[in-house]
Amino acid sequence: MADWESLEPHEGRRIELVNGRFRVNAAPAVPHQRISDRLQTLLDGVVVSEGLEAYSAIGVRVGQSGYIPDLAVCVPTDEASVSSDDVKMVVEVLSPSTANIDRLEKPAAYAAAGIPVYWIVEVPKTGRPVVRCYVLSGDTYAESGVAASGNPAELAVTREVVVKVDVDTLFAPRRQPGTV
């Protein structure tokens, strides 16, 4: 764990520690990062009153593993990574190269660590993303809401905070690609 925490951030990749081995993932593409950035802005605005902050791509210590979710809502920190004990929510925006990890491995690890809320953002080839909210129920996550095009939804951010997610507004194009 100390070796992972001492790594300097590298442009173009994310390095996670899983089962004693480093896993290197490519940095997100622009559309993926745009989704993450818009969600971070939305989430940060609703958790500040709870003394929390939404962070992009920070290290989260989960047992002896170190993950880098797309977003984490937790107590403010200036440390190299944060303990899963301080994390109230994680968000993963699915990419083709990490979809299985984000759907299977990470939710199991986050649930075992007791992180109360997990969002998965599915990114279709066309149309708007779909945001699926899962809330910890016992030792697994149960889906508690889905925000999709034409179907805004109130989704849990923490056990105390919910936010209305309207994917048609949140992820609407702000300009046409290729224009200034």
Protein backbone atom coordinates (compact mmCIF):
# COMPACT_ATOMS: atom_id res chain seq x y z
CA MET A 1 0.00 0.00 0.00
CA ALA A 2 2.83 2.43 0.84
CA ASP A 3 4.38 1.86 -2.61
CA TRP A 4 1.05 2.70 -4.28
CA GLU A 5 0.53 5.81 -2.18
CA SER A 6 4.05 7.03 -2.95
CA LEU A 7 3.56 6.86 -6.73
CA GLU A 8 3.53 10.21 -8.47
CA PRO A 9 0.47 10.82 -10.67
CA HIS A 10 1.22 9.98 -14.30
CA GLU A 11 -0.32 11.82 -17.21
CA GLY A 12 -2.21 9.46 -19.44
CA ARG A 13 -2.78 6.62 -16.99
CA ARG A 14 -4.27 5.59 -13.67
CA ILE A 15 -2.47 3.07 -11.51
CA GLU A 16 -4.47 0.96 -9.05
CA LEU A 17 -3.25 -1.64 -6.56
CA VAL A 18 -5.33 -4.82 -6.57
CA ASN A 19 -4.39 -8.04 -4.77
CA GLY A 20 -0.80 -6.88 -4.39
CA ARG A 21 -0.36 -6.04 -8.09
CA PHE A 22 -0.38 -2.75 -9.92
CA ARG A 23 -3.04 -2.38 -12.61
CA VAL A 24 -2.45 0.38 -15.17
CA ASN A 25 -5.45 1.86 -16.98
CA ALA A 26 -5.41 4.46 -19.72
CA ALA A 27 -6.59 7.93 -18.78
CA PRO A 28 -10.21 8.58 -19.71
CA ALA A 29 -11.13 9.89 -23.15
CA VAL A 30 -12.65 13.37 -23.46
CA PRO A 31 -16.35 12.27 -23.52
CA HIS A 32 -15.78 10.12 -20.41
CA GLN A 33 -14.06 12.99 -18.59
CA ARG A 34 -16.78 15.46 -19.63
CA ILE A 35 -19.39 13.23 -17.98
CA SER A 36 -17.27 12.88 -14.87
CA ASP A 37 -16.61 16.64 -14.65
CA ARG A 38 -20.30 17.53 -14.95
CA LEU A 39 -21.23 15.00 -12.28
CA GLN A 40 -18.48 16.29 -9.98
CA THR A 41 -19.86 19.82 -10.26
CA LEU A 42 -23.39 18.59 -9.53
CA LEU A 43 -22.35 16.42 -6.58
CA ASP A 44 -19.98 18.95 -5.04
CA GLY A 45 -22.80 21.48 -4.93
CA VAL A 46 -25.11 19.20 -2.95
CA VAL A 47 -22.63 17.73 -0.45
CA VAL A 48 -20.86 20.89 0.71
CA SER A 49 -23.54 21.53 3.34
CA GLU A 50 -22.76 18.07 4.79
CA GLY A 51 -19.08 18.94 5.18
CA LEU A 52 -18.16 16.69 2.25
CA GLU A 53 -16.45 17.21 -1.08
CA ALA A 54 -16.64 15.50 -4.48
CA TYR A 55 -13.22 14.57 -5.85
CA SER A 56 -12.21 13.38 -9.30
CA ALA A 57 -9.86 10.40 -9.67
CA ILE A 58 -8.44 10.24 -6.14
CA GLY A 59 -6.96 7.15 -4.56
CA VAL A 60 -9.29 5.23 -2.25
CA ARG A 61 -7.76 2.68 0.11
CA VAL A 62 -10.01 -0.39 0.30
CA GLY A 63 -8.42 -2.96 2.59
CA GLN A 64 -5.04 -3.76 1.02
CA SER A 65 -6.14 -2.49 -2.41
CA GLY A 66 -6.02 0.98 -3.82
CA TYR A 67 -8.65 2.02 -6.34
CA ILE A 68 -9.09 5.22 -8.32
CA PRO A 69 -12.81 5.77 -8.94
CA ASP A 70 -13.91 8.44 -11.40
CA LEU A 71 -15.49 10.33 -8.49
CA ALA A 72 -15.54 9.96 -4.73
CA VAL A 73 -17.59 11.91 -2.20
CA CYS A 74 -15.80 12.06 1.12
CA VAL A 75 -14.54 14.21 3.94
CA PRO A 76 -12.16 16.92 2.69
CA THR A 77 -8.53 15.82 2.60
CA ASP A 78 -5.12 16.86 1.38
CA GLU A 79 -3.66 13.36 1.74
CA ALA A 80 -2.31 11.25 -1.13
CA SER A 81 -5.31 8.92 -0.78
CA VAL A 82 -8.38 8.52 1.38
CA SER A 83 -9.57 5.59 3.49
CA SER A 84 -12.77 3.90 2.36
CA ASP A 85 -14.03 4.61 5.90
CA ASP A 86 -14.26 8.30 4.94
CA VAL A 87 -15.96 7.73 1.57
CA LYS A 88 -19.73 8.15 1.35
CA MET A 89 -20.13 7.54 -2.39
CA VAL A 90 -18.18 6.47 -5.47
CA VAL A 91 -19.01 6.91 -9.14
CA GLU A 92 -17.63 4.91 -12.04
CA VAL A 93 -18.22 6.04 -15.63
CA LEU A 94 -18.05 2.87 -17.72
CA SER A 95 -15.39 2.57 -20.40
CA PRO A 96 -15.13 -0.46 -22.69
CA SER A 97 -11.73 -1.40 -21.22
CA THR A 98 -12.88 -1.26 -17.57
CA ALA A 99 -16.61 -2.08 -17.73
CA ASN A 100 -16.30 -5.55 -16.21
CA ILE A 101 -14.09 -4.27 -13.40
CA ASP A 102 -16.51 -1.38 -12.72
CA ARG A 103 -19.55 -3.69 -12.74
CA LEU A 104 -18.16 -6.66 -10.81
CA GLU A 105 -14.87 -6.20 -8.95
CA LYS A 106 -15.18 -2.63 -7.71
CA PRO A 107 -18.77 -2.81 -6.40
CA ALA A 108 -17.90 -5.96 -4.46
CA ALA A 109 -14.84 -4.28 -2.94
CA TYR A 110 -16.66 -1.01 -2.20
CA ALA A 111 -19.60 -2.87 -0.62
CA ALA A 112 -17.28 -5.01 1.52
CA ALA A 113 -15.65 -1.76 2.70
CA GLY A 114 -19.06 -0.32 3.63
CA ILE A 115 -19.20 2.57 1.14
CA PRO A 116 -22.91 3.47 1.29
CA VAL A 117 -23.63 4.61 -2.30
CA TYR A 118 -22.29 3.52 -5.71
CA TRP A 119 -23.24 5.01 -9.07
CA ILE A 120 -22.49 3.45 -12.43
CA VAL A 121 -22.78 5.67 -15.48
CA GLU A 122 -23.41 3.77 -18.70
CA VAL A 123 -22.29 5.57 -21.83
CA PRO A 124 -24.17 4.44 -24.95
CA LYS A 125 -22.71 4.90 -28.44
CA THR A 126 -25.56 7.32 -29.18
CA GLY A 127 -27.89 9.20 -26.88
CA ARG A 128 -27.47 10.33 -23.30
CA PRO A 129 -25.71 8.46 -20.50
CA VAL A 130 -27.73 6.43 -18.00
CA VAL A 131 -26.98 6.87 -14.29
CA ARG A 132 -27.70 3.87 -12.05
CA CYS A 133 -27.70 4.42 -8.29
CA TYR A 134 -27.00 1.56 -5.90
CA VAL A 135 -27.36 1.78 -2.12
CA LEU A 136 -25.65 -0.58 0.29
CA SER A 137 -28.08 -3.15 1.67
CA GLY A 138 -26.33 -5.51 4.05
CA ASP A 139 -23.11 -6.45 2.31
CA THR A 140 -24.22 -5.85 -1.30
CA TYR A 141 -25.61 -3.02 -3.38
CA ALA A 142 -29.27 -2.81 -4.39
CA GLU A 143 -30.37 -0.58 -7.26
CA SER A 144 -32.38 2.32 -5.85
CA GLY A 145 -32.90 4.51 -8.91
CA VAL A 146 -32.09 5.13 -12.55
CA ALA A 147 -31.83 8.45 -14.37
CA ALA A 148 -32.16 8.10 -18.13
CA SER A 149 -33.16 10.25 -21.08
CA GLY A 150 -36.75 11.37 -20.57
CA ASN A 151 -36.69 9.96 -17.05
CA PRO A 152 -35.07 12.29 -14.48
CA ALA A 153 -34.72 10.75 -11.04
CA GLU A 154 -33.94 11.62 -7.44
CA LEU A 155 -30.80 9.61 -6.64
CA ALA A 156 -29.03 9.06 -3.33
CA VAL A 157 -25.68 10.76 -2.94
CA THR A 158 -25.25 9.84 0.72
CA ARG A 159 -27.71 8.30 3.16
CA GLU A 160 -28.87 11.85 3.98
CA VAL A 161 -28.57 13.62 0.61
CA VAL A 162 -30.40 13.08 -2.67
CA VAL A 163 -30.07 14.98 -5.93
CA LYS A 164 -32.29 15.23 -8.98
CA VAL A 165 -30.41 13.94 -12.00
CA ASP A 166 -31.77 14.95 -15.40
CA VAL A 167 -29.38 13.46 -17.95
CA ASP A 168 -30.99 15.42 -20.79
CA THR A 169 -29.99 18.69 -19.15
CA LEU A 170 -26.81 17.61 -17.38
CA PHE A 171 -25.21 16.01 -20.42
CA ALA A 172 -26.66 18.26 -23.14
CA PRO A 173 -24.10 19.50 -25.66
CA ARG A 174 -22.87 22.98 -24.83
CA ARG A 175 -21.44 23.57 -28.28
CA GLN A 176 -21.16 21.73 -31.55
CA PRO A 177 -18.00 19.62 -31.88
CA GLY A 178 -15.41 21.38 -34.00
CA THR A 179 -16.71 24.90 -33.31
CA VAL A 180 -15.12 27.53 -31.17
